[in-house]
């Protein structure tokens, strides 16, 4: 599940790896615009709290370091449950994301809980965040945001 194979785990019960595009398609209900909006929204949530380093640190400080470690390892990614998502990013931010993407709030919180681990996984080759991950996140977010306009 490294950038070289471009896959992300769909969740603990799926038992299969999916490409990021397949994962986004599934979470976005097959709607490309919704999937792109979801990706931009999740990347914005991560950036808003200070990026991946801050996210990992916050998870460790709040007793969720095991989940974060699963995203950095080569095994399956442990998703965040809805309570963890709301605690990390704020229920209002997740509700805004749902509204912006036309998703039900519960679907959006579930999607965030799956996409955040997948994104960390993609930005962490060989078990640690790439040294340029913040610049890559900023650049990707800008590119996707311009594409959606």
Protein backbone atom coordinates (compact mmCIF):
# COMPACT_ATOMS: atom_id res chain seq x y z
CA UNK A 1 0.00 0.00 0.00
CA UNK A 2 2.69 2.42 -0.93
CA UNK A 3 2.67 5.09 -3.61
CA UNK A 4 4.34 2.68 -5.98
CA UNK A 5 1.26 0.48 -6.13
CA UNK A 6 -1.23 3.34 -5.60
CA UNK A 7 -3.61 1.33 -3.44
CA UNK A 8 -5.52 2.01 -0.27
CA UNK A 9 -7.35 -0.28 2.09
CA UNK A 10 -11.12 0.04 1.91
CA UNK A 11 -11.52 -0.81 5.57
CA UNK A 12 -10.77 -3.52 8.08
CA UNK A 13 -13.45 -5.88 6.84
CA UNK A 14 -12.91 -5.53 3.09
CA UNK A 15 -9.84 -7.71 2.91
CA UNK A 16 -8.88 -6.14 -0.39
CA UNK A 17 -6.76 -3.30 -1.64
CA UNK A 18 -8.17 -0.73 -3.99
CA UNK A 19 -6.53 2.01 -5.97
CA UNK A 20 -7.13 5.50 -4.65
CA UNK A 21 -9.30 6.18 -7.72
CA UNK A 22 -11.44 3.10 -7.03
CA UNK A 23 -11.74 4.01 -3.36
CA UNK A 24 -12.79 7.57 -4.20
CA UNK A 25 -15.25 6.30 -6.80
CA UNK A 26 -16.85 4.00 -4.28
CA UNK A 27 -17.01 6.60 -1.52
CA UNK A 28 -18.31 9.23 -3.95
CA UNK A 29 -21.06 6.93 -5.20
CA UNK A 30 -19.56 6.76 -8.68
CA UNK A 31 -19.93 10.53 -9.15
CA UNK A 32 -16.56 11.90 -10.32
CA UNK A 33 -17.27 15.46 -9.21
CA UNK A 34 -18.37 14.28 -5.76
CA UNK A 35 -15.29 12.06 -5.48
CA UNK A 36 -12.99 14.94 -6.42
CA UNK A 37 -14.78 17.26 -3.99
CA UNK A 38 -14.44 14.65 -1.28
CA UNK A 39 -10.70 14.32 -1.89
CA UNK A 40 -10.18 18.09 -1.85
CA UNK A 41 -12.33 18.39 1.25
CA UNK A 42 -10.45 15.72 3.16
CA UNK A 43 -7.09 17.15 2.12
CA UNK A 44 -8.32 20.57 3.30
CA UNK A 45 -9.36 19.11 6.67
CA UNK A 46 -5.88 17.64 7.10
CA UNK A 47 -4.21 20.88 6.05
CA UNK A 48 -6.45 22.91 8.37
CA UNK A 49 -5.19 21.03 11.43
CA UNK A 50 -1.57 21.47 10.39
CA UNK A 51 -0.92 18.65 7.94
CA UNK A 52 -0.03 15.03 8.36
CA UNK A 53 2.64 15.57 11.03
CA UNK A 54 0.16 17.40 13.22
CA UNK A 55 -2.50 14.78 12.53
CA UNK A 56 -0.19 11.94 13.59
CA UNK A 57 0.92 13.85 16.70
CA UNK A 58 -2.68 14.61 17.66
CA UNK A 59 -3.70 10.99 17.24
CA UNK A 60 -0.81 9.88 19.44
CA UNK A 61 -1.65 12.47 22.10
CA UNK A 62 -5.29 11.37 22.15
CA UNK A 63 -4.54 7.68 22.56
CA UNK A 64 -5.13 6.77 18.92
CA UNK A 65 -1.49 6.19 18.01
CA UNK A 66 -2.19 2.59 17.05
CA UNK A 67 -4.41 3.73 14.20
CA UNK A 68 -1.79 6.20 13.01
CA UNK A 69 0.90 3.55 13.15
CA UNK A 70 -1.21 1.23 10.98
CA UNK A 71 -1.25 3.91 8.28
CA UNK A 72 2.54 4.18 8.34
CA UNK A 73 3.12 0.44 8.33
CA UNK A 74 2.87 -1.91 5.38
CA UNK A 75 -0.23 -3.67 6.72
CA UNK A 76 -3.90 -2.75 6.64
CA UNK A 77 -4.99 0.79 7.48
CA UNK A 78 -7.20 1.10 10.54
CA UNK A 79 -10.03 3.50 9.67
CA UNK A 80 -11.14 6.24 12.02
CA UNK A 81 -14.56 5.73 13.51
CA UNK A 82 -17.12 8.56 13.26
CA UNK A 83 -16.47 9.73 16.81
CA UNK A 84 -12.73 9.96 16.15
CA UNK A 85 -13.33 11.86 12.90
CA UNK A 86 -15.57 14.40 14.62
CA UNK A 87 -13.16 14.75 17.54
CA UNK A 88 -10.16 15.36 15.24
CA UNK A 89 -11.71 17.66 12.67
CA UNK A 90 -14.87 18.92 14.37
CA UNK A 91 -18.42 17.88 13.57
CA UNK A 92 -19.11 21.27 11.95
CA UNK A 93 -16.23 20.84 9.49
CA UNK A 94 -17.40 17.35 8.54
CA UNK A 95 -20.99 18.58 8.16
CA UNK A 96 -19.74 21.35 5.88
CA UNK A 97 -17.86 18.77 3.81
CA UNK A 98 -21.04 16.70 3.53
CA UNK A 99 -23.03 19.71 2.39
CA UNK A 100 -20.35 20.75 -0.14
CA UNK A 101 -20.22 17.27 -1.68
CA UNK A 102 -23.94 16.58 -1.53
CA UNK A 103 -23.41 13.62 0.78
CA UNK A 104 -25.35 12.55 3.83
CA UNK A 105 -23.48 13.53 7.00
CA UNK A 106 -22.97 9.90 8.07
CA UNK A 107 -21.60 8.96 4.64
CA UNK A 108 -19.20 11.91 4.75
CA UNK A 109 -17.89 11.07 8.22
CA UNK A 110 -17.37 7.46 7.15
CA UNK A 111 -15.58 8.60 3.98
CA UNK A 112 -13.26 10.86 5.99
CA UNK A 113 -12.51 7.95 8.32
CA UNK A 114 -11.37 5.84 5.36
CA UNK A 115 -9.72 8.53 3.22
CA UNK A 116 -7.51 10.06 5.90
CA UNK A 117 -5.72 6.74 6.53
CA UNK A 118 -5.44 6.13 2.77
CA UNK A 119 -3.90 9.56 2.20
CA UNK A 120 -1.39 9.17 5.04
CA UNK A 121 -0.54 5.76 3.59
CA UNK A 122 0.06 7.29 0.15
CA UNK A 123 2.33 10.00 1.58
CA UNK A 124 4.38 7.60 3.72
CA UNK A 125 6.62 5.40 1.60
CA UNK A 126 8.70 2.93 3.56
CA UNK A 127 6.79 3.57 6.78
CA UNK A 128 7.44 7.26 7.35
CA UNK A 129 6.05 10.45 5.94
CA UNK A 130 7.94 11.61 2.87
CA UNK A 131 10.19 14.55 3.69
CA UNK A 132 8.34 16.69 1.18
CA UNK A 133 4.84 15.50 2.12
CA UNK A 134 3.61 18.94 3.19
CA UNK A 135 4.69 20.54 -0.09
CA UNK A 136 3.10 17.64 -2.00
CA UNK A 137 -0.14 18.07 -0.01
CA UNK A 138 -0.18 21.83 -0.68
CA UNK A 139 0.55 21.35 -4.37
CA UNK A 140 -2.03 18.57 -4.79
CA UNK A 141 -4.68 20.53 -2.97
CA UNK A 142 -4.08 23.59 -5.14
CA UNK A 143 -4.18 21.51 -8.32
CA UNK A 144 -7.39 19.70 -7.37
CA UNK A 145 -9.07 22.89 -6.17
CA UNK A 146 -8.31 24.66 -9.48
CA UNK A 147 -9.62 21.64 -11.40
CA UNK A 148 -12.95 21.78 -9.56
CA UNK A 149 -13.59 25.47 -10.28
